[in-house]
Amino acid sequence: MKSDILVCSAWKAEHDRPVYTLSSTCPDCGADAENSAPAPFNPEDPHGEYRRALKRRARE
């Protein structure tokens, strides 16, 4: 899943706060920009089956 908003990959070392951009590089330092959002779920989640079963039971 790719987000439209990217963040500078070197912001912790180069900037005092995160630098967000829509381009593939940071406008301030020129470093690569990376996806700013975490993945919505882990496909290898060992407890995902149980979590989904609980949600199904709660809906019924």
N, C-alpha and C. Protein backbone atom coordinates (compact mmCIF):
# COMPACT_ATOMS: atom_id res chain seq x y z
N MET A 1 0.85 -1.17 0.00
CA MET A 1 0.00 0.00 0.00
C MET A 1 0.89 1.24 0.00
N LYS A 2 0.68 2.12 -0.95
CA LYS A 2 1.52 3.30 -1.07
C LYS A 2 0.70 4.54 -0.74
N SER A 3 1.28 5.38 0.07
CA SER A 3 0.64 6.64 0.44
C SER A 3 1.11 7.74 -0.50
N ASP A 4 0.28 8.76 -0.70
CA ASP A 4 0.68 9.90 -1.52
C ASP A 4 1.65 10.81 -0.76
N ILE A 5 1.50 10.89 0.55
CA ILE A 5 2.35 11.76 1.36
C ILE A 5 3.59 10.98 1.80
N LEU A 6 4.76 11.53 1.51
CA LEU A 6 6.03 10.90 1.86
C LEU A 6 6.75 11.78 2.88
N VAL A 7 7.67 11.17 3.62
CA VAL A 7 8.46 11.89 4.61
C VAL A 7 9.95 11.66 4.31
N CYS A 8 10.76 12.66 4.61
CA CYS A 8 12.21 12.56 4.39
C CYS A 8 12.77 11.39 5.18
N SER A 9 13.56 10.55 4.55
CA SER A 9 14.10 9.37 5.23
C SER A 9 15.19 9.74 6.23
N ALA A 10 15.79 10.91 6.09
CA ALA A 10 16.88 11.32 6.98
C ALA A 10 16.45 12.47 7.89
N TRP A 11 15.17 12.60 8.18
CA TRP A 11 14.71 13.77 8.93
C TRP A 11 15.23 13.78 10.37
N LYS A 12 15.45 12.62 10.97
CA LYS A 12 15.93 12.59 12.36
C LYS A 12 17.36 13.13 12.45
N ALA A 13 18.16 12.92 11.43
CA ALA A 13 19.54 13.38 11.44
C ALA A 13 19.69 14.79 10.84
N GLU A 14 18.86 15.15 9.90
CA GLU A 14 19.03 16.40 9.15
C GLU A 14 18.12 17.54 9.61
N HIS A 15 16.93 17.22 10.12
CA HIS A 15 15.93 18.25 10.43
C HIS A 15 15.48 18.13 11.89
N ASP A 16 14.92 19.21 12.42
CA ASP A 16 14.44 19.16 13.80
C ASP A 16 13.00 18.65 13.89
N ARG A 17 12.33 18.50 12.75
CA ARG A 17 10.99 17.93 12.71
C ARG A 17 10.81 17.21 11.36
N PRO A 18 9.82 16.34 11.24
CA PRO A 18 9.63 15.64 9.96
C PRO A 18 9.33 16.60 8.82
N VAL A 19 9.87 16.32 7.66
CA VAL A 19 9.62 17.11 6.46
C VAL A 19 8.80 16.24 5.52
N TYR A 20 7.55 16.64 5.26
CA TYR A 20 6.64 15.89 4.40
C TYR A 20 6.66 16.48 3.00
N THR A 21 6.47 15.61 2.02
CA THR A 21 6.52 16.04 0.63
C THR A 21 5.67 15.10 -0.23
N LEU A 22 5.38 15.53 -1.44
CA LEU A 22 4.69 14.67 -2.41
C LEU A 22 5.66 14.12 -3.45
N SER A 23 6.88 14.65 -3.48
CA SER A 23 7.87 14.17 -4.45
C SER A 23 8.67 13.01 -3.87
N SER A 24 9.52 12.42 -4.67
CA SER A 24 10.29 11.25 -4.23
C SER A 24 11.56 11.62 -3.48
N THR A 25 11.89 12.92 -3.44
CA THR A 25 13.06 13.38 -2.69
C THR A 25 12.66 14.52 -1.76
N CYS A 26 13.45 14.71 -0.72
CA CYS A 26 13.22 15.78 0.26
C CYS A 26 13.53 17.13 -0.39
N PRO A 27 12.64 18.11 -0.28
CA PRO A 27 12.91 19.41 -0.89
C PRO A 27 14.01 20.19 -0.18
N ASP A 28 14.30 19.88 1.09
CA ASP A 28 15.32 20.62 1.84
C ASP A 28 16.72 20.03 1.69
N CYS A 29 16.85 18.71 1.89
CA CYS A 29 18.20 18.12 1.90
C CYS A 29 18.47 17.20 0.71
N GLY A 30 17.46 16.84 -0.06
CA GLY A 30 17.66 16.00 -1.23
C GLY A 30 17.70 14.50 -0.95
N ALA A 31 17.47 14.10 0.31
CA ALA A 31 17.46 12.67 0.64
C ALA A 31 16.21 12.01 0.06
N ASP A 32 16.23 10.70 -0.05
CA ASP A 32 15.07 9.97 -0.54
C ASP A 32 13.90 10.14 0.43
N ALA A 33 12.70 10.16 -0.12
CA ALA A 33 11.49 10.24 0.70
C ALA A 33 10.89 8.84 0.78
N GLU A 34 10.31 8.51 1.93
CA GLU A 34 9.73 7.18 2.12
C GLU A 34 8.27 7.32 2.55
N ASN A 35 7.55 6.23 2.46
CA ASN A 35 6.15 6.20 2.83
C ASN A 35 6.00 6.61 4.29
N SER A 36 5.08 7.52 4.57
CA SER A 36 4.93 8.04 5.92
C SER A 36 3.96 7.22 6.77
N ALA A 37 3.18 6.37 6.15
CA ALA A 37 2.17 5.61 6.88
C ALA A 37 2.65 4.19 7.16
N PRO A 38 2.37 3.66 8.34
CA PRO A 38 2.72 2.27 8.61
C PRO A 38 1.76 1.33 7.87
N ALA A 39 2.15 0.10 7.73
CA ALA A 39 1.28 -0.88 7.09
C ALA A 39 0.02 -1.07 7.93
N PRO A 40 -1.16 -1.25 7.30
CA PRO A 40 -2.39 -1.37 8.07
C PRO A 40 -2.51 -2.68 8.84
N PHE A 41 -1.78 -3.70 8.43
CA PHE A 41 -1.81 -5.00 9.11
C PHE A 41 -0.58 -5.79 8.73
N ASN A 42 -0.28 -6.80 9.51
CA ASN A 42 0.84 -7.68 9.24
C ASN A 42 0.27 -8.99 8.69
N PRO A 43 0.58 -9.36 7.45
CA PRO A 43 0.04 -10.60 6.89
C PRO A 43 0.47 -11.85 7.63
N GLU A 44 1.57 -11.78 8.38
CA GLU A 44 2.04 -12.94 9.12
C GLU A 44 1.62 -12.90 10.58
N ASP A 45 0.57 -12.15 10.89
CA ASP A 45 0.08 -12.01 12.26
C ASP A 45 -0.37 -13.37 12.79
N PRO A 46 0.29 -13.90 13.84
CA PRO A 46 -0.06 -15.23 14.33
C PRO A 46 -1.42 -15.28 15.03
N HIS A 47 -1.94 -14.13 15.46
CA HIS A 47 -3.22 -14.12 16.17
C HIS A 47 -4.34 -13.50 15.34
N GLY A 48 -4.09 -13.21 14.08
CA GLY A 48 -5.09 -12.57 13.22
C GLY A 48 -6.35 -13.40 13.07
N GLU A 49 -6.19 -14.70 12.96
CA GLU A 49 -7.35 -15.58 12.81
C GLU A 49 -8.30 -15.44 14.00
N TYR A 50 -7.75 -15.40 15.20
CA TYR A 50 -8.57 -15.29 16.41
C TYR A 50 -9.21 -13.91 16.52
N ARG A 51 -8.48 -12.86 16.14
CA ARG A 51 -8.99 -11.50 16.19
C ARG A 51 -10.19 -11.34 15.24
N ARG A 52 -10.07 -11.92 14.04
CA ARG A 52 -11.16 -11.83 13.08
C ARG A 52 -12.37 -12.64 13.55
N ALA A 53 -12.14 -13.78 14.18
CA ALA A 53 -13.24 -14.60 14.71
C ALA A 53 -14.00 -13.83 15.80
N LEU A 54 -13.29 -13.12 16.66
CA LEU A 54 -13.95 -12.32 17.69
C LEU A 54 -14.79 -11.21 17.09
N LYS A 55 -14.31 -10.58 16.03
CA LYS A 55 -15.08 -9.53 15.36
C LYS A 55 -16.35 -10.10 14.74
N ARG A 56 -16.23 -11.30 14.13
CA ARG A 56 -17.42 -11.92 13.54
C ARG A 56 -18.45 -12.23 14.61
N ARG A 57 -18.02 -12.75 15.76
CA ARG A 57 -18.93 -13.05 16.85
C ARG A 57 -19.60 -11.81 17.41
N ALA A 58 -18.87 -10.73 17.48
CA ALA A 58 -19.42 -9.48 18.03
C ALA A 58 -20.48 -8.88 17.11
N ARG A 59 -20.38 -9.11 15.80
CA ARG A 59 -21.35 -8.58 14.83
C ARG A 59 -22.67 -9.35 14.88
N GLU A 60 -22.63 -10.61 15.25
CA GLU A 60 -23.83 -11.47 15.21
C GLU A 60 -24.76 -11.20 16.34
